[in-house]
């Protein structure tokens, strides 16, 4: 019997295969590919619906993980760069960095700068909260 961990492993394998070929990975394609590989023509509509829903959910979870990895320094970097990763999530597609357009690269940079500003503001609020809490305790 197939388990969620098996589906997750297959998702990672399919993504790696496409990315290694220099291709973009679309969420919709990936979910459809999972369904096609693991359903039989005789399956009922319900089974197909459940298979498609599960596949979409697991693919979405994988893409959320990919999004979270964008700020993770342990990710594989492009040679000659300290932070530039080998792939990025762009408008629902996992894209090899070499395939990004200049506009997509600029948009990703703008997105990361906005995240940085938000994180700094968050850190400032935490400091302000800690100061207020410390003042109240004294």
N, C-alpha and C. Protein backbone atom coordinates (compact mmCIF):
# COMPACT_ATOMS: atom_id res chain seq x y z
N UNK A 1 0.85 -1.19 0.00
CA UNK A 1 0.00 0.00 0.00
C UNK A 1 0.89 1.24 0.00
N UNK A 2 0.53 2.19 -0.79
CA UNK A 2 1.29 3.44 -0.88
C UNK A 2 0.95 4.33 0.32
N UNK A 3 1.96 5.00 0.85
CA UNK A 3 1.78 5.91 1.97
C UNK A 3 2.16 7.32 1.54
N UNK A 4 1.80 8.30 2.37
CA UNK A 4 2.08 9.70 2.07
C UNK A 4 3.57 9.90 1.85
N UNK A 5 4.40 9.26 2.67
CA UNK A 5 5.85 9.42 2.51
C UNK A 5 6.32 8.95 1.14
N UNK A 6 5.63 7.94 0.56
CA UNK A 6 5.98 7.46 -0.78
C UNK A 6 5.61 8.50 -1.83
N UNK A 7 4.47 9.13 -1.64
CA UNK A 7 4.04 10.18 -2.56
C UNK A 7 5.01 11.36 -2.47
N UNK A 8 5.39 11.73 -1.24
CA UNK A 8 6.34 12.84 -1.06
C UNK A 8 7.67 12.52 -1.73
N UNK A 9 8.15 11.29 -1.60
CA UNK A 9 9.40 10.89 -2.24
C UNK A 9 9.29 10.98 -3.77
N UNK A 10 8.16 10.53 -4.31
CA UNK A 10 7.96 10.59 -5.75
C UNK A 10 7.91 12.05 -6.23
N UNK A 11 7.28 12.92 -5.46
CA UNK A 11 7.23 14.34 -5.80
C UNK A 11 8.65 14.90 -5.88
N UNK A 12 9.47 14.60 -4.87
CA UNK A 12 10.86 15.09 -4.87
C UNK A 12 11.62 14.54 -6.08
N UNK A 13 11.40 13.28 -6.40
CA UNK A 13 12.09 12.67 -7.54
C UNK A 13 11.67 13.30 -8.87
N UNK A 14 10.36 13.52 -9.03
CA UNK A 14 9.86 14.13 -10.27
C UNK A 14 10.39 15.56 -10.41
N UNK A 15 10.40 16.31 -9.31
CA UNK A 15 10.93 17.68 -9.34
C UNK A 15 12.41 17.66 -9.71
N UNK A 16 13.17 16.81 -9.07
CA UNK A 16 14.61 16.74 -9.34
C UNK A 16 14.87 16.38 -10.80
N UNK A 17 14.09 15.45 -11.32
CA UNK A 17 14.24 15.03 -12.72
C UNK A 17 14.01 16.20 -13.67
N UNK A 18 12.91 16.91 -13.48
CA UNK A 18 12.58 18.04 -14.35
C UNK A 18 13.61 19.16 -14.22
N UNK A 19 13.98 19.48 -12.97
CA UNK A 19 14.94 20.56 -12.74
C UNK A 19 16.30 20.21 -13.34
N UNK A 20 16.70 18.96 -13.24
CA UNK A 20 17.98 18.54 -13.81
C UNK A 20 17.97 18.68 -15.33
N UNK A 21 16.80 18.55 -15.91
CA UNK A 21 16.66 18.73 -17.36
C UNK A 21 16.54 20.20 -17.73
N UNK A 22 16.59 21.08 -16.70
CA UNK A 22 16.49 22.51 -16.94
C UNK A 22 15.08 22.98 -17.20
N UNK A 23 14.10 22.21 -16.77
CA UNK A 23 12.69 22.55 -17.02
C UNK A 23 12.03 23.10 -15.76
N UNK A 24 10.99 23.89 -15.99
CA UNK A 24 10.17 24.41 -14.90
C UNK A 24 9.22 23.31 -14.44
N UNK A 25 8.86 23.35 -13.15
CA UNK A 25 7.93 22.37 -12.61
C UNK A 25 6.68 23.10 -12.16
N UNK A 26 5.58 22.87 -12.86
CA UNK A 26 4.31 23.49 -12.51
C UNK A 26 3.55 22.59 -11.54
N UNK A 27 2.93 23.20 -10.55
CA UNK A 27 2.18 22.43 -9.56
C UNK A 27 1.10 21.58 -10.23
N UNK A 28 0.34 22.18 -11.13
CA UNK A 28 -0.76 21.45 -11.77
C UNK A 28 -0.23 20.23 -12.54
N UNK A 29 0.88 20.42 -13.27
CA UNK A 29 1.45 19.29 -14.02
C UNK A 29 1.88 18.18 -13.07
N UNK A 30 2.52 18.56 -11.96
CA UNK A 30 3.04 17.59 -11.03
C UNK A 30 1.91 16.76 -10.40
N UNK A 31 0.85 17.43 -10.01
CA UNK A 31 -0.30 16.71 -9.44
C UNK A 31 -0.91 15.77 -10.48
N UNK A 32 -1.06 16.24 -11.70
CA UNK A 32 -1.62 15.40 -12.77
C UNK A 32 -0.71 14.21 -13.05
N UNK A 33 0.58 14.42 -13.04
CA UNK A 33 1.54 13.34 -13.28
C UNK A 33 1.42 12.26 -12.21
N UNK A 34 1.24 12.67 -10.94
CA UNK A 34 1.05 11.69 -9.87
C UNK A 34 -0.20 10.87 -10.09
N UNK A 35 -1.29 11.53 -10.44
CA UNK A 35 -2.56 10.83 -10.67
C UNK A 35 -2.41 9.85 -11.83
N UNK A 36 -1.80 10.29 -12.93
CA UNK A 36 -1.66 9.42 -14.10
C UNK A 36 -0.80 8.20 -13.79
N UNK A 37 0.19 8.35 -12.95
CA UNK A 37 1.07 7.23 -12.63
C UNK A 37 0.44 6.24 -11.66
N UNK A 38 -0.56 6.68 -10.91
CA UNK A 38 -1.08 5.82 -9.85
C UNK A 38 -2.58 5.59 -9.90
N UNK A 39 -3.20 5.72 -11.04
CA UNK A 39 -4.61 5.35 -11.17
C UNK A 39 -4.76 4.46 -12.39
N UNK A 40 -5.75 3.63 -12.33
CA UNK A 40 -6.03 2.72 -13.44
C UNK A 40 -7.30 3.21 -14.14
N UNK A 41 -7.43 2.90 -15.43
CA UNK A 41 -8.64 3.33 -16.14
C UNK A 41 -9.93 2.83 -15.51
N UNK A 42 -9.87 1.71 -14.79
CA UNK A 42 -11.08 1.16 -14.19
C UNK A 42 -11.46 1.81 -12.87
N UNK A 43 -10.61 2.71 -12.35
CA UNK A 43 -10.91 3.36 -11.08
C UNK A 43 -12.16 4.21 -11.19
N UNK A 44 -12.86 4.28 -10.08
CA UNK A 44 -14.09 5.07 -10.06
C UNK A 44 -13.79 6.56 -10.05
N UNK A 45 -14.81 7.36 -10.35
CA UNK A 45 -14.65 8.81 -10.30
C UNK A 45 -14.22 9.27 -8.91
N UNK A 46 -14.77 8.61 -7.89
CA UNK A 46 -14.40 8.98 -6.52
C UNK A 46 -12.91 8.75 -6.29
N UNK A 47 -12.40 7.61 -6.72
CA UNK A 47 -10.98 7.31 -6.53
C UNK A 47 -10.12 8.33 -7.26
N UNK A 48 -10.54 8.69 -8.47
CA UNK A 48 -9.79 9.68 -9.23
C UNK A 48 -9.81 11.03 -8.54
N UNK A 49 -10.98 11.40 -8.02
CA UNK A 49 -11.10 12.67 -7.31
C UNK A 49 -10.20 12.67 -6.07
N UNK A 50 -10.25 11.59 -5.30
CA UNK A 50 -9.43 11.49 -4.10
C UNK A 50 -7.95 11.48 -4.47
N UNK A 51 -7.60 10.77 -5.52
CA UNK A 51 -6.20 10.72 -5.95
C UNK A 51 -5.72 12.11 -6.37
N UNK A 52 -6.56 12.82 -7.12
CA UNK A 52 -6.17 14.14 -7.58
C UNK A 52 -6.06 15.11 -6.40
N UNK A 53 -7.03 15.04 -5.47
CA UNK A 53 -6.98 15.92 -4.30
C UNK A 53 -5.73 15.66 -3.48
N UNK A 54 -5.44 14.39 -3.20
CA UNK A 54 -4.26 14.04 -2.41
C UNK A 54 -2.99 14.49 -3.12
N UNK A 55 -2.94 14.26 -4.41
CA UNK A 55 -1.76 14.66 -5.18
C UNK A 55 -1.57 16.17 -5.14
N UNK A 56 -2.66 16.92 -5.34
CA UNK A 56 -2.57 18.37 -5.28
C UNK A 56 -2.13 18.85 -3.90
N UNK A 57 -2.66 18.24 -2.86
CA UNK A 57 -2.31 18.63 -1.49
C UNK A 57 -0.84 18.36 -1.21
N UNK A 58 -0.35 17.21 -1.61
CA UNK A 58 1.05 16.86 -1.35
C UNK A 58 1.99 17.73 -2.19
N UNK A 59 1.61 18.02 -3.43
CA UNK A 59 2.42 18.91 -4.27
C UNK A 59 2.45 20.30 -3.65
N UNK A 60 1.31 20.80 -3.20
CA UNK A 60 1.26 22.12 -2.56
C UNK A 60 2.15 22.14 -1.32
N UNK A 61 2.15 21.07 -0.54
CA UNK A 61 3.01 21.00 0.65
C UNK A 61 4.47 21.04 0.24
N UNK A 62 4.81 20.35 -0.84
CA UNK A 62 6.20 20.36 -1.31
C UNK A 62 6.60 21.77 -1.75
N UNK A 63 5.72 22.45 -2.46
CA UNK A 63 6.03 23.80 -2.92
C UNK A 63 6.13 24.77 -1.75
N UNK A 64 5.33 24.56 -0.69
CA UNK A 64 5.48 25.39 0.51
C UNK A 64 6.85 25.17 1.13
N UNK A 65 7.30 23.93 1.16
CA UNK A 65 8.64 23.63 1.68
C UNK A 65 9.70 24.31 0.82
N UNK A 66 9.52 24.28 -0.49
CA UNK A 66 10.47 24.94 -1.39
C UNK A 66 10.51 26.44 -1.10
N UNK A 67 9.34 27.04 -0.89
CA UNK A 67 9.27 28.46 -0.59
C UNK A 67 10.02 28.77 0.70
N UNK A 68 9.83 27.93 1.71
CA UNK A 68 10.52 28.13 2.99
C UNK A 68 12.03 27.96 2.85
N UNK A 69 12.46 27.14 1.93
CA UNK A 69 13.89 26.90 1.74
C UNK A 69 14.60 28.09 1.09
N UNK A 70 13.85 29.00 0.50
CA UNK A 70 14.47 30.14 -0.19
C UNK A 70 15.31 30.99 0.74
N UNK A 71 15.02 30.97 2.03
CA UNK A 71 15.79 31.76 2.98
C UNK A 71 16.69 30.87 3.85
N UNK A 72 16.83 29.62 3.45
CA UNK A 72 17.64 28.65 4.19
C UNK A 72 19.04 28.59 3.59
N UNK A 73 20.04 28.95 4.37
CA UNK A 73 21.42 28.98 3.88
C UNK A 73 22.00 27.61 3.58
N UNK A 74 21.31 26.54 3.98
CA UNK A 74 21.85 25.20 3.72
C UNK A 74 21.51 24.71 2.31
N UNK A 75 20.74 25.49 1.57
CA UNK A 75 20.36 25.08 0.22
C UNK A 75 21.55 25.10 -0.73
N UNK A 76 21.47 24.30 -1.77
CA UNK A 76 22.51 24.25 -2.79
C UNK A 76 22.60 25.60 -3.49
N UNK A 77 23.80 26.11 -3.61
CA UNK A 77 24.02 27.42 -4.22
C UNK A 77 24.63 27.26 -5.61
N UNK A 78 24.41 28.27 -6.42
CA UNK A 78 25.08 28.29 -7.73
C UNK A 78 26.56 28.57 -7.51
N UNK A 79 27.41 27.90 -8.26
CA UNK A 79 28.86 28.12 -8.11
C UNK A 79 29.19 29.60 -8.29
N UNK A 80 30.06 30.12 -7.40
CA UNK A 80 30.48 31.52 -7.46
C UNK A 80 29.60 32.46 -6.67
N UNK A 81 28.55 31.93 -6.02
CA UNK A 81 27.63 32.76 -5.23
C UNK A 81 27.51 32.20 -3.83
N UNK A 82 27.26 33.09 -2.88
CA UNK A 82 27.09 32.67 -1.49
C UNK A 82 25.63 32.41 -1.14
N UNK A 83 24.71 33.08 -1.79
CA UNK A 83 23.29 32.97 -1.46
C UNK A 83 22.42 32.50 -2.63
N UNK A 84 22.84 32.71 -3.84
CA UNK A 84 22.03 32.40 -5.02
C UNK A 84 21.79 30.90 -5.13
N UNK A 85 20.54 30.50 -5.10
CA UNK A 85 20.19 29.09 -5.08
C UNK A 85 20.02 28.54 -6.50
N UNK A 86 19.94 27.23 -6.58
CA UNK A 86 19.85 26.58 -7.89
C UNK A 86 18.44 26.59 -8.45
N UNK A 87 17.45 26.94 -7.62
CA UNK A 87 16.06 26.99 -8.07
C UNK A 87 15.27 27.94 -7.19
N UNK A 88 14.20 28.48 -7.76
CA UNK A 88 13.31 29.37 -7.02
C UNK A 88 11.87 29.08 -7.40
N UNK A 89 10.97 29.41 -6.48
CA UNK A 89 9.55 29.30 -6.74
C UNK A 89 9.07 30.62 -7.31
N UNK A 90 8.56 30.57 -8.54
CA UNK A 90 8.11 31.77 -9.25
C UNK A 90 6.68 31.51 -9.75
N UNK A 91 5.73 32.27 -9.23
CA UNK A 91 4.33 32.17 -9.67
C UNK A 91 3.85 30.72 -9.80
N UNK A 92 4.09 29.92 -8.75
CA UNK A 92 3.60 28.55 -8.74
C UNK A 92 4.42 27.56 -9.54
N UNK A 93 5.58 27.98 -10.01
CA UNK A 93 6.47 27.08 -10.74
C UNK A 93 7.81 27.01 -10.02
N UNK A 94 8.35 25.82 -9.94
CA UNK A 94 9.70 25.64 -9.42
C UNK A 94 10.62 25.76 -10.62
N UNK A 95 11.49 26.78 -10.62
CA UNK A 95 12.25 27.14 -11.82
C UNK A 95 13.76 27.04 -11.56
N UNK A 96 14.48 26.31 -12.41
CA UNK A 96 15.94 26.34 -12.30
C UNK A 96 16.42 27.79 -12.48
N UNK A 97 17.35 28.23 -11.66
CA UNK A 97 17.79 29.62 -11.70
C UNK A 97 18.24 30.04 -13.10
N UNK A 98 18.90 29.14 -13.82
CA UNK A 98 19.37 29.47 -15.16
C UNK A 98 18.22 29.77 -16.13
N UNK A 99 17.01 29.29 -15.81
CA UNK A 99 15.85 29.50 -16.67
C UNK A 99 15.05 30.77 -16.33
N UNK A 100 15.42 31.42 -15.22
CA UNK A 100 14.70 32.63 -14.83
C UNK A 100 14.98 33.76 -15.83
N UNK A 101 13.94 34.53 -16.12
CA UNK A 101 14.14 35.73 -16.93
C UNK A 101 14.73 36.81 -16.03
N UNK A 102 15.27 37.85 -16.63
CA UNK A 102 15.80 38.97 -15.85
C UNK A 102 14.68 39.57 -14.99
N UNK A 103 13.49 39.68 -15.56
CA UNK A 103 12.36 40.24 -14.81
C UNK A 103 12.01 39.36 -13.61
N UNK A 104 12.06 38.04 -13.78
CA UNK A 104 11.78 37.14 -12.67
C UNK A 104 12.84 37.25 -11.57
N UNK A 105 14.09 37.39 -11.97
CA UNK A 105 15.17 37.56 -10.99
C UNK A 105 14.96 38.85 -10.21
N UNK A 106 14.64 39.94 -10.92
CA UNK A 106 14.41 41.23 -10.25
C UNK A 106 13.21 41.15 -9.31
N UNK A 107 12.15 40.47 -9.74
CA UNK A 107 10.96 40.33 -8.90
C UNK A 107 11.28 39.54 -7.65
N UNK A 108 12.06 38.46 -7.78
CA UNK A 108 12.44 37.65 -6.62
C UNK A 108 13.29 38.50 -5.66
N UNK A 109 14.22 39.29 -6.19
CA UNK A 109 15.05 40.16 -5.35
C UNK A 109 14.17 41.16 -4.60
N UNK A 110 13.20 41.73 -5.28
CA UNK A 110 12.29 42.69 -4.65
C UNK A 110 11.47 42.00 -3.54
N UNK A 111 11.02 40.78 -3.80
CA UNK A 111 10.26 40.01 -2.82
C UNK A 111 11.11 39.73 -1.57
N UNK A 112 12.36 39.34 -1.78
CA UNK A 112 13.25 39.05 -0.64
C UNK A 112 13.55 40.32 0.16
N UNK A 113 13.71 41.46 -0.52
CA UNK A 113 13.93 42.73 0.20
C UNK A 113 12.71 43.09 1.05
N UNK A 114 11.52 42.87 0.50
CA UNK A 114 10.30 43.16 1.25
C UNK A 114 10.21 42.24 2.48
N UNK A 115 10.59 40.98 2.31
CA UNK A 115 10.61 40.05 3.45
C UNK A 115 11.59 40.54 4.50
N UNK A 116 12.75 41.01 4.07
CA UNK A 116 13.77 41.49 5.01
C UNK A 116 13.24 42.68 5.80
N UNK A 117 12.57 43.61 5.12
CA UNK A 117 12.01 44.77 5.83
C UNK A 117 10.99 44.30 6.86
N UNK A 118 10.15 43.36 6.48
CA UNK A 118 9.14 42.83 7.40
C UNK A 118 9.76 42.13 8.59
N UNK A 119 10.82 41.38 8.35
CA UNK A 119 11.50 40.69 9.45
C UNK A 119 12.16 41.67 10.40
N UNK A 120 12.75 42.73 9.86
CA UNK A 120 13.35 43.76 10.73
C UNK A 120 12.29 44.46 11.56
N UNK A 121 11.16 44.77 10.96
CA UNK A 121 10.07 45.40 11.71
C UNK A 121 9.56 44.47 12.80
N UNK A 122 9.47 43.19 12.49
CA UNK A 122 9.03 42.20 13.47
C UNK A 122 10.02 42.14 14.63
N UNK A 123 11.31 42.12 14.31
CA UNK A 123 12.35 42.08 15.36
C UNK A 123 12.26 43.33 16.24
N UNK A 124 12.03 44.49 15.61
CA UNK A 124 11.89 45.73 16.38
C UNK A 124 10.71 45.65 17.35
N UNK A 125 9.59 45.09 16.90
CA UNK A 125 8.43 44.96 17.77
C UNK A 125 8.71 44.00 18.92
N UNK A 126 9.42 42.92 18.63
CA UNK A 126 9.78 41.99 19.70
C UNK A 126 10.65 42.68 20.76
N UNK A 127 11.60 43.48 20.31
CA UNK A 127 12.44 44.24 21.25
C UNK A 127 11.60 45.20 22.08
N UNK A 128 10.69 45.88 21.42
CA UNK A 128 9.82 46.83 22.12
C UNK A 128 8.96 46.11 23.15
N UNK A 129 8.44 44.95 22.79
CA UNK A 129 7.63 44.14 23.70
C UNK A 129 8.47 43.69 24.89
N UNK A 130 9.68 43.20 24.60
CA UNK A 130 10.57 42.73 25.68
C UNK A 130 10.92 43.88 26.63
N UNK A 131 11.18 45.08 26.04
CA UNK A 131 11.48 46.26 26.88
C UNK A 131 10.29 46.60 27.78
N UNK A 132 9.10 46.59 27.20
CA UNK A 132 7.90 46.91 27.98
C UNK A 132 7.67 45.88 29.08
N UNK A 133 7.90 44.63 28.76
CA UNK A 133 7.72 43.55 29.74
C UNK A 133 8.75 43.67 30.87
N UNK A 134 9.97 44.02 30.49
CA UNK A 134 11.02 44.20 31.49
C UNK A 134 10.72 45.39 32.39
N UNK A 135 10.26 46.51 31.77
CA UNK A 135 9.91 47.70 32.53
C UNK A 135 8.77 47.40 33.51
N UNK A 136 7.79 46.64 33.08
CA UNK A 136 6.66 46.30 33.95
C UNK A 136 7.07 45.42 35.11
N UNK A 137 8.11 44.61 34.90
CA UNK A 137 8.56 43.70 35.96
C UNK A 137 9.40 44.43 37.02
N UNK A 138 9.94 45.59 36.66
CA UNK A 138 10.82 46.32 37.58
C UNK A 138 10.05 47.18 38.55
